[in-house]
Amino acid sequence: MPKLKTKSGAKKRFKVTGTGKIKRKHAFKNHILTKKETKQKRRLSAKGLVSKADMNNVKAMLVL
């Protein structure tokens, strides 16, 4: 059976930590930033973790 390819979009968006968790960026930080509060933009800049509910789907895309 051939090797499975990693989804290109997923490998650009997610990064696996040393403990096996998956880091991600927050949404809503790309454009139309003038109407958003500084506090909100600062919070969105921080990296987040993929939730348990989405973990299996993301791992399948990354072929882990």
Protein backbone atom coordinates (compact mmCIF):
# COMPACT_ATOMS: atom_id res chain seq x y z
CA MET A 1 0.00 0.00 0.00
CA PRO A 2 1.41 3.46 -0.84
CA LYS A 3 2.35 5.99 1.79
CA LEU A 4 -0.31 8.51 2.81
CA LYS A 5 0.37 12.14 2.00
CA THR A 6 -0.04 14.87 4.60
CA LYS A 7 -2.67 17.48 3.70
CA SER A 8 -0.73 20.56 2.57
CA GLY A 9 -3.14 23.01 4.20
CA ALA A 10 -2.90 21.20 7.53
CA LYS A 11 0.89 21.13 7.66
CA LYS A 12 0.93 24.90 7.14
CA ARG A 13 -1.60 25.56 9.92
CA PHE A 14 -0.74 23.11 12.71
CA LYS A 15 2.39 22.20 14.68
CA VAL A 16 2.81 19.22 17.00
CA THR A 17 4.34 19.86 20.42
CA GLY A 18 6.77 17.55 22.16
CA THR A 19 4.01 16.07 24.29
CA GLY A 20 1.81 15.31 21.29
CA LYS A 21 -0.59 18.24 21.55
CA ILE A 22 -1.34 20.27 18.43
CA LYS A 23 -0.86 24.05 18.34
CA ARG A 24 -2.96 26.34 16.17
CA LYS A 25 -3.52 30.02 15.48
CA HIS A 26 -6.71 31.88 16.36
CA ALA A 27 -9.12 33.04 13.68
CA PHE A 28 -10.26 36.64 13.02
CA LYS A 29 -6.77 38.21 13.10
CA ASN A 30 -6.24 38.82 9.36
CA HIS A 31 -8.13 41.90 8.23
CA ILE A 32 -10.72 44.47 9.35
CA LEU A 33 -8.64 45.03 12.48
CA THR A 34 -9.55 48.70 12.92
CA LYS A 35 -12.87 47.92 14.59
CA LYS A 36 -11.40 45.33 16.97
CA GLU A 37 -10.15 46.30 20.43
CA THR A 38 -6.43 46.14 21.16
CA LYS A 39 -7.13 43.62 23.92
CA GLN A 40 -8.98 41.34 21.51
CA LYS A 41 -6.20 41.53 18.91
CA ARG A 42 -3.60 40.75 21.58
CA ARG A 43 -5.59 37.71 22.76
CA LEU A 44 -5.97 36.46 19.18
CA SER A 45 -2.21 36.71 18.62
CA ALA A 46 -1.57 34.01 21.23
CA LYS A 47 -1.34 30.42 20.03
CA GLY A 48 -4.05 27.99 21.07
CA LEU A 49 -4.41 24.22 21.25
CA VAL A 50 -6.70 22.05 19.16
CA SER A 51 -9.64 20.81 21.23
CA LYS A 52 -10.10 17.12 22.05
CA ALA A 53 -13.16 16.95 19.79
CA ASP A 54 -11.09 17.98 16.74
CA MET A 55 -7.89 16.15 17.63
CA ASN A 56 -8.59 12.94 15.67
CA ASN A 57 -9.53 14.85 12.50
CA VAL A 58 -6.41 17.01 12.63
CA LYS A 59 -4.17 14.00 13.32
CA ALA A 60 -5.67 12.24 10.30
CA MET A 61 -4.88 15.26 8.12
CA LEU A 62 -1.32 15.34 9.44
CA VAL A 63 -1.05 11.53 9.13
CA LEU A 64 0.27 11.03 12.66
